PDB file of N, CA and C in Angstrom:
ATOM      1  N   UNK A   1     -12.983  12.602  -7.132  1.00  0.00           N
ATOM      2  CA  UNK A   1     -11.579  12.324  -7.337  1.00  0.00           C
ATOM      3  C   UNK A   1     -11.445  10.876  -7.792  1.00  0.00           C
ATOM      4  N   UNK A   2     -10.637  10.624  -8.800  1.00  0.00           N
ATOM      5  CA  UNK A   2     -10.467   9.266  -9.300  1.00  0.00           C
ATOM      6  C   UNK A   2      -9.657   8.437  -8.316  1.00  0.00           C
ATOM      7  N   UNK A   3      -9.775   7.118  -8.437  1.00  0.00           N
ATOM      8  CA  UNK A   3      -9.024   6.214  -7.563  1.00  0.00           C
ATOM      9  C   UNK A   3      -7.532   6.485  -7.693  1.00  0.00           C
ATOM     10  N   UNK A   4      -7.046   6.682  -8.906  1.00  0.00           N
ATOM     11  CA  UNK A   4      -5.625   6.914  -9.131  1.00  0.00           C
ATOM     12  C   UNK A   4      -5.163   8.198  -8.449  1.00  0.00           C
ATOM     13  N   UNK A   5      -5.928   9.267  -8.583  1.00  0.00           N
ATOM     14  CA  UNK A   5      -5.553  10.534  -7.956  1.00  0.00           C
ATOM     15  C   UNK A   5      -5.606  10.433  -6.442  1.00  0.00           C
ATOM     16  N   UNK A   6      -6.637   9.767  -5.942  1.00  0.00           N
ATOM     17  CA  UNK A   6      -6.770   9.595  -4.505  1.00  0.00           C
ATOM     18  C   UNK A   6      -5.613   8.778  -3.961  1.00  0.00           C
ATOM     19  N   UNK A   7      -5.264   7.700  -4.646  1.00  0.00           N
ATOM     20  CA  UNK A   7      -4.143   6.860  -4.228  1.00  0.00           C
ATOM     21  C   UNK A   7      -2.845   7.657  -4.248  1.00  0.00           C
ATOM     22  N   UNK A   8      -2.641   8.444  -5.280  1.00  0.00           N
ATOM     23  CA  UNK A   8      -1.426   9.252  -5.374  1.00  0.00           C
ATOM     24  C   UNK A   8      -1.352  10.263  -4.235  1.00  0.00           C
ATOM     25  N   UNK A   9      -2.472  10.882  -3.897  1.00  0.00           N
ATOM     26  CA  UNK A   9      -2.493  11.852  -2.803  1.00  0.00           C
ATOM     27  C   UNK A   9      -2.160  11.195  -1.472  1.00  0.00           C
ATOM     28  N   UNK A  10      -2.710  10.029  -1.245  1.00  0.00           N
ATOM     29  CA  UNK A  10      -2.443   9.325   0.010  1.00  0.00           C
ATOM     30  C   UNK A  10      -0.998   8.882   0.076  1.00  0.00           C
ATOM     31  N   UNK A  11      -0.459   8.426  -1.035  1.00  0.00           N
ATOM     32  CA  UNK A  11       0.935   7.979  -1.059  1.00  0.00           C
ATOM     33  C   UNK A  11       1.862   9.119  -0.667  1.00  0.00           C
ATOM     34  N   UNK A  12       1.603  10.289  -1.169  1.00  0.00           N
ATOM     35  CA  UNK A  12       2.453  11.426  -0.833  1.00  0.00           C
ATOM     36  C   UNK A  12       2.366  11.753   0.651  1.00  0.00           C
ATOM     37  N   UNK A  13       1.171  11.678   1.210  1.00  0.00           N
ATOM     38  CA  UNK A  13       0.991  12.004   2.625  1.00  0.00           C
ATOM     39  C   UNK A  13       1.444  10.870   3.532  1.00  0.00           C
ATOM     40  N   UNK A  14       0.989   9.668   3.255  1.00  0.00           N
ATOM     41  CA  UNK A  14       1.254   8.540   4.148  1.00  0.00           C
ATOM     42  C   UNK A  14       2.633   7.936   3.951  1.00  0.00           C
ATOM     43  N   UNK A  15       3.211   8.068   2.767  1.00  0.00           N
ATOM     44  CA  UNK A  15       4.494   7.441   2.491  1.00  0.00           C
ATOM     45  C   UNK A  15       5.685   8.261   2.931  1.00  0.00           C
ATOM     46  N   UNK A  16       5.460   9.460   3.412  1.00  0.00           N
ATOM     47  CA  UNK A  16       6.570  10.301   3.843  1.00  0.00           C
ATOM     48  C   UNK A  16       7.339   9.618   4.962  1.00  0.00           C
ATOM     49  N   UNK A  17       8.635   9.713   4.889  1.00  0.00           N
ATOM     50  CA  UNK A  17       9.474   9.144   5.931  1.00  0.00           C
ATOM     51  C   UNK A  17       9.897   7.716   5.681  1.00  0.00           C
ATOM     52  N   UNK A  18       9.459   7.122   4.603  1.00  0.00           N
ATOM     53  CA  UNK A  18       9.887   5.762   4.288  1.00  0.00           C
ATOM     54  C   UNK A  18      11.167   5.855   3.482  1.00  0.00           C
ATOM     55  N   UNK A  19      12.262   5.475   4.085  1.00  0.00           N
ATOM     56  CA  UNK A  19      13.558   5.568   3.424  1.00  0.00           C
ATOM     57  C   UNK A  19      13.845   4.352   2.578  1.00  0.00           C
ATOM     58  N   UNK A  20      14.922   4.420   1.838  1.00  0.00           N
ATOM     59  CA  UNK A  20      15.347   3.287   1.018  1.00  0.00           C
ATOM     60  C   UNK A  20      16.063   2.267   1.896  1.00  0.00           C
ATOM     61  N   UNK A  21      15.861   1.012   1.596  1.00  0.00           N
ATOM     62  CA  UNK A  21      16.467  -0.061   2.385  1.00  0.00           C
ATOM     63  C   UNK A  21      17.789  -0.487   1.766  1.00  0.00           C
ATOM     64  N   UNK A  22      18.689  -0.966   2.603  1.00  0.00           N
ATOM     65  CA  UNK A  22      19.931  -1.543   2.101  1.00  0.00           C
ATOM     66  C   UNK A  22      19.594  -2.847   1.397  1.00  0.00           C
ATOM     67  N   UNK A  23      20.242  -3.157   0.274  1.00  0.00           N
ATOM     68  CA  UNK A  23      19.885  -4.349  -0.496  1.00  0.00           C
ATOM     69  C   UNK A  23      19.882  -5.650   0.301  1.00  0.00           C
ATOM     70  N   UNK A  24      20.841  -5.861   1.185  1.00  0.00           N
ATOM     71  CA  UNK A  24      20.935  -7.137   1.899  1.00  0.00           C
ATOM     72  C   UNK A  24      19.750  -7.387   2.816  1.00  0.00           C
ATOM     73  N   UNK A  25      19.218  -6.355   3.408  1.00  0.00           N
ATOM     74  CA  UNK A  25      18.113  -6.514   4.353  1.00  0.00           C
ATOM     75  C   UNK A  25      16.838  -5.875   3.831  1.00  0.00           C
ATOM     76  N   UNK A  26      16.755  -5.668   2.535  1.00  0.00           N
ATOM     77  CA  UNK A  26      15.644  -4.914   1.955  1.00  0.00           C
ATOM     78  C   UNK A  26      14.284  -5.512   2.268  1.00  0.00           C
ATOM     79  N   UNK A  27      14.132  -6.826   2.120  1.00  0.00           N
ATOM     80  CA  UNK A  27      12.813  -7.425   2.329  1.00  0.00           C
ATOM     81  C   UNK A  27      12.350  -7.272   3.773  1.00  0.00           C
ATOM     82  N   UNK A  28      13.228  -7.580   4.716  1.00  0.00           N
ATOM     83  CA  UNK A  28      12.862  -7.462   6.129  1.00  0.00           C
ATOM     84  C   UNK A  28      12.596  -6.011   6.505  1.00  0.00           C
ATOM     85  N   UNK A  29      13.462  -5.109   6.065  1.00  0.00           N
ATOM     86  CA  UNK A  29      13.289  -3.701   6.368  1.00  0.00           C
ATOM     87  C   UNK A  29      12.024  -3.171   5.716  1.00  0.00           C
ATOM     88  N   UNK A  30      11.749  -3.602   4.496  1.00  0.00           N
ATOM     89  CA  UNK A  30      10.539  -3.175   3.810  1.00  0.00           C
ATOM     90  C   UNK A  30       9.309  -3.584   4.601  1.00  0.00           C
ATOM     91  N   UNK A  31       9.284  -4.805   5.083  1.00  0.00           N
ATOM     92  CA  UNK A  31       8.141  -5.270   5.869  1.00  0.00           C
ATOM     93  C   UNK A  31       8.011  -4.442   7.148  1.00  0.00           C
ATOM     94  N   UNK A  32       9.120  -4.195   7.816  1.00  0.00           N
ATOM     95  CA  UNK A  32       9.092  -3.386   9.037  1.00  0.00           C
ATOM     96  C   UNK A  32       8.610  -1.969   8.744  1.00  0.00           C
ATOM     97  N   UNK A  33       9.079  -1.389   7.642  1.00  0.00           N
ATOM     98  CA  UNK A  33       8.652  -0.044   7.261  1.00  0.00           C
ATOM     99  C   UNK A  33       7.154  -0.014   6.995  1.00  0.00           C
ATOM    100  N   UNK A  34       6.679  -1.001   6.264  1.00  0.00           N
ATOM    101  CA  UNK A  34       5.259  -1.067   5.932  1.00  0.00           C
ATOM    102  C   UNK A  34       4.412  -1.158   7.193  1.00  0.00           C
ATOM    103  N   UNK A  35       4.753  -2.089   8.067  1.00  0.00           N
ATOM    104  CA  UNK A  35       3.973  -2.286   9.290  1.00  0.00           C
ATOM    105  C   UNK A  35       4.027  -1.054  10.187  1.00  0.00           C
ATOM    106  N   UNK A  36       5.185  -0.419  10.274  1.00  0.00           N
ATOM    107  CA  UNK A  36       5.303   0.802  11.076  1.00  0.00           C
ATOM    108  C   UNK A  36       4.468   1.930  10.482  1.00  0.00           C
ATOM    109  N   UNK A  37       4.473   2.045   9.163  1.00  0.00           N
ATOM    110  CA  UNK A  37       3.729   3.124   8.505  1.00  0.00           C
ATOM    111  C   UNK A  37       2.224   2.955   8.669  1.00  0.00           C
ATOM    112  N   UNK A  38       1.710   1.731   8.493  1.00  0.00           N
ATOM    113  CA  UNK A  38       0.260   1.574   8.659  1.00  0.00           C
ATOM    114  C   UNK A  38      -0.130   1.752  10.125  1.00  0.00           C
ATOM    115  N   UNK A  39       0.732   1.323  11.046  1.00  0.00           N
ATOM    116  CA  UNK A  39       0.441   1.523  12.469  1.00  0.00           C
ATOM    117  C   UNK A  39       0.425   3.015  12.805  1.00  0.00           C
ATOM    118  N   UNK A  40       1.374   3.746  12.249  1.00  0.00           N
ATOM    119  CA  UNK A  40       1.455   5.187  12.495  1.00  0.00           C
ATOM    120  C   UNK A  40       0.198   5.896  11.996  1.00  0.00           C
ATOM    121  N   UNK A  41      -0.388   5.393  10.927  1.00  0.00           N
ATOM    122  CA  UNK A  41      -1.598   5.991  10.363  1.00  0.00           C
ATOM    123  C   UNK A  41      -2.872   5.444  11.010  1.00  0.00           C
ATOM    124  N   UNK A  42      -2.729   4.513  11.952  1.00  0.00           N
ATOM    125  CA  UNK A  42      -3.887   3.964  12.650  1.00  0.00           C
ATOM    126  C   UNK A  42      -4.662   2.937  11.853  1.00  0.00           C
ATOM    127  N   UNK A  43      -4.018   2.329  10.865  1.00  0.00           N
ATOM    128  CA  UNK A  43      -4.671   1.326  10.020  1.00  0.00           C
ATOM    129  C   UNK A  43      -4.377  -0.056  10.600  1.00  0.00           C
ATOM    130  N   UNK A  44      -5.430  -0.790  10.939  1.00  0.00           N
ATOM    131  CA  UNK A  44      -5.273  -2.128  11.504  1.00  0.00           C
ATOM    132  C   UNK A  44      -5.947  -3.148  10.604  1.00  0.00           C
ATOM    133  N   UNK A  45      -5.172  -4.154  10.192  1.00  0.00           N
ATOM    134  CA  UNK A  45      -5.679  -5.199   9.304  1.00  0.00           C
ATOM    135  C   UNK A  45      -5.313  -6.551   9.895  1.00  0.00           C
ATOM    136  N   UNK A  46      -6.071  -7.031  10.846  1.00  0.00           N
ATOM    137  CA  UNK A  46      -5.788  -8.342  11.425  1.00  0.00           C
ATOM    138  C   UNK A  46      -4.364  -8.438  11.921  1.00  0.00           C
ATOM    139  N   UNK A  47      -3.696  -9.514  11.557  1.00  0.00           N
ATOM    140  CA  UNK A  47      -2.311  -9.732  11.976  1.00  0.00           C
ATOM    141  C   UNK A  47      -1.340  -9.032  11.027  1.00  0.00           C
ATOM    142  N   UNK A  48      -0.094  -8.932  11.464  1.00  0.00           N
ATOM    143  CA  UNK A  48       0.944  -8.379  10.594  1.00  0.00           C
ATOM    144  C   UNK A  48       1.069  -9.211   9.327  1.00  0.00           C
ATOM    145  N   UNK A  49       0.970 -10.536   9.478  1.00  0.00           N
ATOM    146  CA  UNK A  49       1.075 -11.425   8.317  1.00  0.00           C
ATOM    147  C   UNK A  49      -0.054 -11.153   7.323  1.00  0.00           C
ATOM    148  N   UNK A  50      -1.263 -10.928   7.831  1.00  0.00           N
ATOM    149  CA  UNK A  50      -2.394 -10.603   6.954  1.00  0.00           C
ATOM    150  C   UNK A  50      -2.135  -9.306   6.204  1.00  0.00           C
ATOM    151  N   UNK A  51      -1.663  -8.306   6.914  1.00  0.00           N
ATOM    152  CA  UNK A  51      -1.414  -7.007   6.295  1.00  0.00           C
ATOM    153  C   UNK A  51      -0.385  -7.121   5.179  1.00  0.00           C
ATOM    154  N   UNK A  52       0.701  -7.828   5.439  1.00  0.00           N
ATOM    155  CA  UNK A  52       1.753  -7.989   4.428  1.00  0.00           C
ATOM    156  C   UNK A  52       1.228  -8.793   3.246  1.00  0.00           C
ATOM    157  N   UNK A  53       0.505  -9.865   3.516  1.00  0.00           N
ATOM    158  CA  UNK A  53      -0.038 -10.702   2.439  1.00  0.00           C
ATOM    159  C   UNK A  53      -0.990  -9.896   1.555  1.00  0.00           C
ATOM    160  N   UNK A  54      -1.873  -9.122   2.156  1.00  0.00           N
ATOM    161  CA  UNK A  54      -2.824  -8.311   1.389  1.00  0.00           C
ATOM    162  C   UNK A  54      -2.081  -7.257   0.574  1.00  0.00           C
ATOM    163  N   UNK A  55      -1.077  -6.633   1.166  1.00  0.00           N
ATOM    164  CA  UNK A  55      -0.304  -5.611   0.452  1.00  0.00           C
ATOM    165  C   UNK A  55       0.432  -6.204  -0.743  1.00  0.00           C
ATOM    166  N   UNK A  56       1.055  -7.351  -0.544  1.00  0.00           N
ATOM    167  CA  UNK A  56       1.792  -7.977  -1.644  1.00  0.00           C
ATOM    168  C   UNK A  56       0.853  -8.445  -2.752  1.00  0.00           C
ATOM    169  N   UNK A  57      -0.286  -8.993  -2.387  1.00  0.00           N
ATOM    170  CA  UNK A  57      -1.266  -9.425  -3.399  1.00  0.00           C
ATOM    171  C   UNK A  57      -1.823  -8.215  -4.137  1.00  0.00           C
ATOM    172  N   UNK A  58      -2.053  -7.128  -3.416  1.00  0.00           N
ATOM    173  CA  UNK A  58      -2.524  -5.905  -4.050  1.00  0.00           C
ATOM    174  C   UNK A  58      -1.555  -5.469  -5.143  1.00  0.00           C
ATOM    175  N   UNK A  59      -0.261  -5.557  -4.857  1.00  0.00           N
ATOM    176  CA  UNK A  59       0.740  -5.165  -5.848  1.00  0.00           C
ATOM    177  C   UNK A  59       0.750  -6.102  -7.051  1.00  0.00           C
ATOM    178  N   UNK A  60       0.545  -7.392  -6.815  1.00  0.00           N
ATOM    179  CA  UNK A  60       0.451  -8.337  -7.935  1.00  0.00           C
ATOM    180  C   UNK A  60      -0.718  -7.964  -8.841  1.00  0.00           C
ATOM    181  N   UNK A  61      -1.847  -7.645  -8.246  1.00  0.00           N
ATOM    182  CA  UNK A  61      -3.040  -7.279  -9.014  1.00  0.00           C
ATOM    183  C   UNK A  61      -2.811  -5.969  -9.757  1.00  0.00           C
ATOM    184  N   UNK A  62      -2.111  -5.024  -9.134  1.00  0.00           N
ATOM    185  CA  UNK A  62      -1.871  -3.718  -9.756  1.00  0.00           C
ATOM    186  C   UNK A  62      -1.051  -3.832 -11.034  1.00  0.00           C
ATOM    187  N   UNK A  63      -0.273  -4.900 -11.159  1.00  0.00           N
ATOM    188  CA  UNK A  63       0.485  -5.145 -12.390  1.00  0.00           C
ATOM    189  C   UNK A  63       1.323  -3.960 -12.813  1.00  0.00           C
ATOM    190  N   UNK A  64       1.027  -3.440 -13.991  1.00  0.00           N
ATOM    191  CA  UNK A  64       1.794  -2.333 -14.553  1.00  0.00           C
ATOM    192  C   UNK A  64       1.310  -0.971 -14.072  1.00  0.00           C
ATOM    193  N   UNK A  65       0.293  -0.962 -13.227  1.00  0.00           N
ATOM    194  CA  UNK A  65      -0.199   0.295 -12.678  1.00  0.00           C
ATOM    195  C   UNK A  65      -1.197   1.020 -13.551  1.00  0.00           C
ATOM    196  N   UNK A  66      -1.711   0.345 -14.580  1.00  0.00           N
ATOM    197  CA  UNK A  66      -2.729   0.989 -15.406  1.00  0.00           C
ATOM    198  C   UNK A  66      -3.955   1.276 -14.548  1.00  0.00           C
ATOM    199  N   UNK A  67      -4.757   2.233 -14.960  1.00  0.00           N
ATOM    200  CA  UNK A  67      -5.911   2.658 -14.176  1.00  0.00           C
ATOM    201  C   UNK A  67      -6.824   1.535 -13.747  1.00  0.00           C
ATOM    202  N   UNK A  68      -7.189   0.656 -14.679  1.00  0.00           N
ATOM    203  CA  UNK A  68      -8.110  -0.438 -14.360  1.00  0.00           C
ATOM    204  C   UNK A  68      -7.482  -1.423 -13.380  1.00  0.00           C
ATOM    205  N   UNK A  69      -6.213  -1.746 -13.568  1.00  0.00           N
ATOM    206  CA  UNK A  69      -5.539  -2.688 -12.666  1.00  0.00           C
ATOM    207  C   UNK A  69      -5.350  -2.077 -11.282  1.00  0.00           C
ATOM    208  N   UNK A  70      -5.017  -0.806 -11.248  1.00  0.00           N
ATOM    209  CA  UNK A  70      -4.843  -0.125  -9.975  1.00  0.00           C
ATOM    210  C   UNK A  70      -6.166  -0.067  -9.215  1.00  0.00           C
ATOM    211  N   UNK A  71      -7.234   0.168  -9.937  1.00  0.00           N
ATOM    212  CA  UNK A  71      -8.556   0.192  -9.314  1.00  0.00           C
ATOM    213  C   UNK A  71      -8.910  -1.186  -8.752  1.00  0.00           C
ATOM    214  N   UNK A  72      -8.646  -2.245  -9.522  1.00  0.00           N
ATOM    215  CA  UNK A  72      -8.903  -3.607  -9.031  1.00  0.00           C
ATOM    216  C   UNK A  72      -8.077  -3.898  -7.785  1.00  0.00           C
ATOM    217  N   UNK A  73      -6.851  -3.401  -7.759  1.00  0.00           N
ATOM    218  CA  UNK A  73      -5.981  -3.621  -6.603  1.00  0.00           C
ATOM    219  C   UNK A  73      -6.548  -2.951  -5.352  1.00  0.00           C
ATOM    220  N   UNK A  74      -7.043  -1.734  -5.508  1.00  0.00           N
ATOM    221  CA  UNK A  74      -7.650  -1.027  -4.373  1.00  0.00           C
ATOM    222  C   UNK A  74      -8.922  -1.748  -3.935  1.00  0.00           C
ATOM    223  N   UNK A  75      -9.701  -2.242  -4.887  1.00  0.00           N
ATOM    224  CA  UNK A  75     -10.910  -3.003  -4.541  1.00  0.00           C
ATOM    225  C   UNK A  75     -10.553  -4.302  -3.820  1.00  0.00           C
ATOM    226  N   UNK A  76      -9.436  -4.898  -4.174  1.00  0.00           N
ATOM    227  CA  UNK A  76      -8.989  -6.109  -3.477  1.00  0.00           C
ATOM    228  C   UNK A  76      -8.772  -5.801  -1.996  1.00  0.00           C
ATOM    229  N   UNK A  77      -8.098  -4.696  -1.730  1.00  0.00           N
ATOM    230  CA  UNK A  77      -7.877  -4.295  -0.335  1.00  0.00           C
ATOM    231  C   UNK A  77      -9.219  -4.076   0.353  1.00  0.00           C
ATOM    232  N   UNK A  78     -10.124  -3.386  -0.314  1.00  0.00           N
ATOM    233  CA  UNK A  78     -11.450  -3.130   0.259  1.00  0.00           C
ATOM    234  C   UNK A  78     -12.158  -4.437   0.596  1.00  0.00           C
ATOM    235  N   UNK A  79     -12.104  -5.390  -0.323  1.00  0.00           N
ATOM    236  CA  UNK A  79     -12.838  -6.649  -0.165  1.00  0.00           C
ATOM    237  C   UNK A  79     -12.203  -7.603   0.843  1.00  0.00           C
ATOM    238  N   UNK A  80     -10.936  -7.402   1.177  1.00  0.00           N
ATOM    239  CA  UNK A  80     -10.236  -8.326   2.073  1.00  0.00           C
ATOM    240  C   UNK A  80      -9.879  -7.708   3.423  1.00  0.00           C
ATOM    241  N   UNK A  81     -10.450  -6.561   3.695  1.00  0.00           N
ATOM    242  CA  UNK A  81     -10.256  -5.911   4.992  1.00  0.00           C
ATOM    243  C   UNK A  81     -11.600  -5.367   5.460  1.00  0.00           C
ATOM    244  N   UNK A  82     -11.625  -4.892   6.673  1.00  0.00           N
ATOM    245  CA  UNK A  82     -12.820  -4.239   7.210  1.00  0.00           C
ATOM    246  C   UNK A  82     -12.552  -2.751   7.387  1.00  0.00           C
ATOM    247  N   UNK A  83     -11.725  -2.207   6.517  1.00  0.00           N
ATOM    248  CA  UNK A  83     -11.332  -0.813   6.623  1.00  0.00           C
ATOM    249  C   UNK A  83     -12.375   0.113   6.012  1.00  0.00           C
ATOM    250  N   UNK A  84     -12.411   1.332   6.515  1.00  0.00           N
ATOM    251  CA  UNK A  84     -13.237   2.379   5.920  1.00  0.00           C
ATOM    252  C   UNK A  84     -12.641   2.752   4.563  1.00  0.00           C
ATOM    253  N   UNK A  85     -13.353   3.577   3.822  1.00  0.00           N
ATOM    254  CA  UNK A  85     -12.843   4.036   2.526  1.00  0.00           C
ATOM    255  C   UNK A  85     -11.492   4.734   2.705  1.00  0.00           C
ATOM    256  N   UNK A  86     -11.403   5.591   3.713  1.00  0.00           N
ATOM    257  CA  UNK A  86     -10.134   6.273   3.974  1.00  0.00           C
ATOM    258  C   UNK A  86      -9.050   5.284   4.386  1.00  0.00           C
ATOM    259  N   UNK A  87      -9.425   4.291   5.186  1.00  0.00           N
ATOM    260  CA  UNK A  87      -8.471   3.273   5.613  1.00  0.00           C
ATOM    261  C   UNK A  87      -7.946   2.464   4.445  1.00  0.00           C
ATOM    262  N   UNK A  88      -8.850   2.098   3.533  1.00  0.00           N
ATOM    263  CA  UNK A  88      -8.450   1.349   2.336  1.00  0.00           C
ATOM    264  C   UNK A  88      -7.468   2.166   1.514  1.00  0.00           C
ATOM    265  N   UNK A  89      -7.790   3.428   1.306  1.00  0.00           N
ATOM    266  CA  UNK A  89      -6.934   4.277   0.491  1.00  0.00           C
ATOM    267  C   UNK A  89      -5.574   4.482   1.154  1.00  0.00           C
ATOM    268  N   UNK A  90      -5.577   4.678   2.457  1.00  0.00           N
ATOM    269  CA  UNK A  90      -4.317   4.843   3.179  1.00  0.00           C
ATOM    270  C   UNK A  90      -3.480   3.573   3.102  1.00  0.00           C
ATOM    271  N   UNK A  91      -4.112   2.427   3.374  1.00  0.00           N
ATOM    272  CA  UNK A  91      -3.410   1.143   3.309  1.00  0.00           C
ATOM    273  C   UNK A  91      -2.841   0.924   1.909  1.00  0.00           C
ATOM    274  N   UNK A  92      -3.673   1.131   0.891  1.00  0.00           N
ATOM    275  CA  UNK A  92      -3.232   0.911  -0.488  1.00  0.00           C
ATOM    276  C   UNK A  92      -2.097   1.854  -0.864  1.00  0.00           C
ATOM    277  N   UNK A  93      -2.182   3.088  -0.428  1.00  0.00           N
ATOM    278  CA  UNK A  93      -1.127   4.049  -0.721  1.00  0.00           C
ATOM    279  C   UNK A  93       0.202   3.664  -0.100  1.00  0.00           C
ATOM    280  N   UNK A  94       0.152   3.263   1.163  1.00  0.00           N
ATOM    281  CA  UNK A  94       1.383   2.853   1.842  1.00  0.00           C
ATOM    282  C   UNK A  94       1.930   1.570   1.221  1.00  0.00           C
ATOM    283  N   UNK A  95       1.043   0.618   0.955  1.00  0.00           N
ATOM    284  CA  UNK A  95       1.474  -0.646   0.342  1.00  0.00           C
ATOM    285  C   UNK A  95       2.148  -0.395  -1.002  1.00  0.00           C
ATOM    286  N   UNK A  96       1.551   0.468  -1.811  1.00  0.00           N
ATOM    287  CA  UNK A  96       2.137   0.770  -3.118  1.00  0.00           C
ATOM    288  C   UNK A  96       3.488   1.451  -2.957  1.00  0.00           C
ATOM    289  N   UNK A  97       3.566   2.378  -2.043  1.00  0.00           N
ATOM    290  CA  UNK A  97       4.822   3.110  -1.831  1.00  0.00           C
ATOM    291  C   UNK A  97       5.946   2.162  -1.397  1.00  0.00           C
ATOM    292  N   UNK A  98       5.608   1.186  -0.551  1.00  0.00           N
ATOM    293  CA  UNK A  98       6.626   0.289  -0.011  1.00  0.00           C
ATOM    294  C   UNK A  98       6.917  -0.887  -0.936  1.00  0.00           C
ATOM    295  N   UNK A  99       5.862  -1.557  -1.425  1.00  0.00           N
ATOM    296  CA  UNK A  99       6.040  -2.826  -2.140  1.00  0.00           C
ATOM    297  C   UNK A  99       6.044  -2.712  -3.665  1.00  0.00           C
ATOM    298  N   UNK A 100       5.408  -1.692  -4.211  1.00  0.00           N
ATOM    299  CA  UNK A 100       5.355  -1.603  -5.685  1.00  0.00           C
ATOM    300  C   UNK A 100       5.304  -0.143  -6.134  1.00  0.00           C
ATOM    301  N   UNK A 101       6.329   0.634  -5.820  1.00  0.00           N
ATOM    302  CA  UNK A 101       6.313   2.052  -6.171  1.00  0.00           C
ATOM    303  C   UNK A 101       6.248   2.319  -7.672  1.00  0.00           C
ATOM    304  N   UNK A 102       6.620   1.332  -8.470  1.00  0.00           N
ATOM    305  CA  UNK A 102       6.582   1.504  -9.923  1.00  0.00           C
ATOM    306  C   UNK A 102       5.160   1.612 -10.469  1.00  0.00           C
ATOM    307  N   UNK A 103       4.147   1.239  -9.684  1.00  0.00           N
ATOM    308  CA  UNK A 103       2.767   1.324 -10.178  1.00  0.00           C
ATOM    309  C   UNK A 103       2.138   2.683  -9.906  1.00  0.00           C
ATOM    310  N   UNK A 104       2.814   3.520  -9.152  1.00  0.00           N
ATOM    311  CA  UNK A 104       2.246   4.812  -8.799  1.00  0.00           C
ATOM    312  C   UNK A 104       2.288   5.767  -9.975  1.00  0.00           C
ATOM    313  N   UNK A 105       1.241   6.567 -10.107  1.00  0.00           N
ATOM    314  CA  UNK A 105       1.232   7.552 -11.189  1.00  0.00           C
ATOM    315  C   UNK A 105       2.328   8.591 -10.971  1.00  0.00           C
ATOM    316  N   UNK A 106       2.850   9.086 -12.055  1.00  0.00           N
ATOM    317  CA  UNK A 106       3.930  10.087 -11.968  1.00  0.00           C
ATOM    318  C   UNK A 106       3.408  11.416 -11.509  1.00  0.00           C
TER     319      UNK A 106
END
């Protein structure tokens, strides 16, 4: 399975239940949603601040969501965490769903 397909599959499974945030509190709610979602999936990445920083940087690397950029973004998560392959994919899927949904494949 390609990285893009795997990421898309995880996003559908792990991102369920993440609602849209009200504009005024979107950033804070987004962070809370992200942290709650990774905790619910049993993904632990150091501190909450580390998890948010890695997720946001992953989205910067993903850029327009092209295959190569998306792959580099997933590798960034792998290289900056001690997560298993499944953990990396779950984290990346949730991060993409919350912080950069525009990079997800249709």
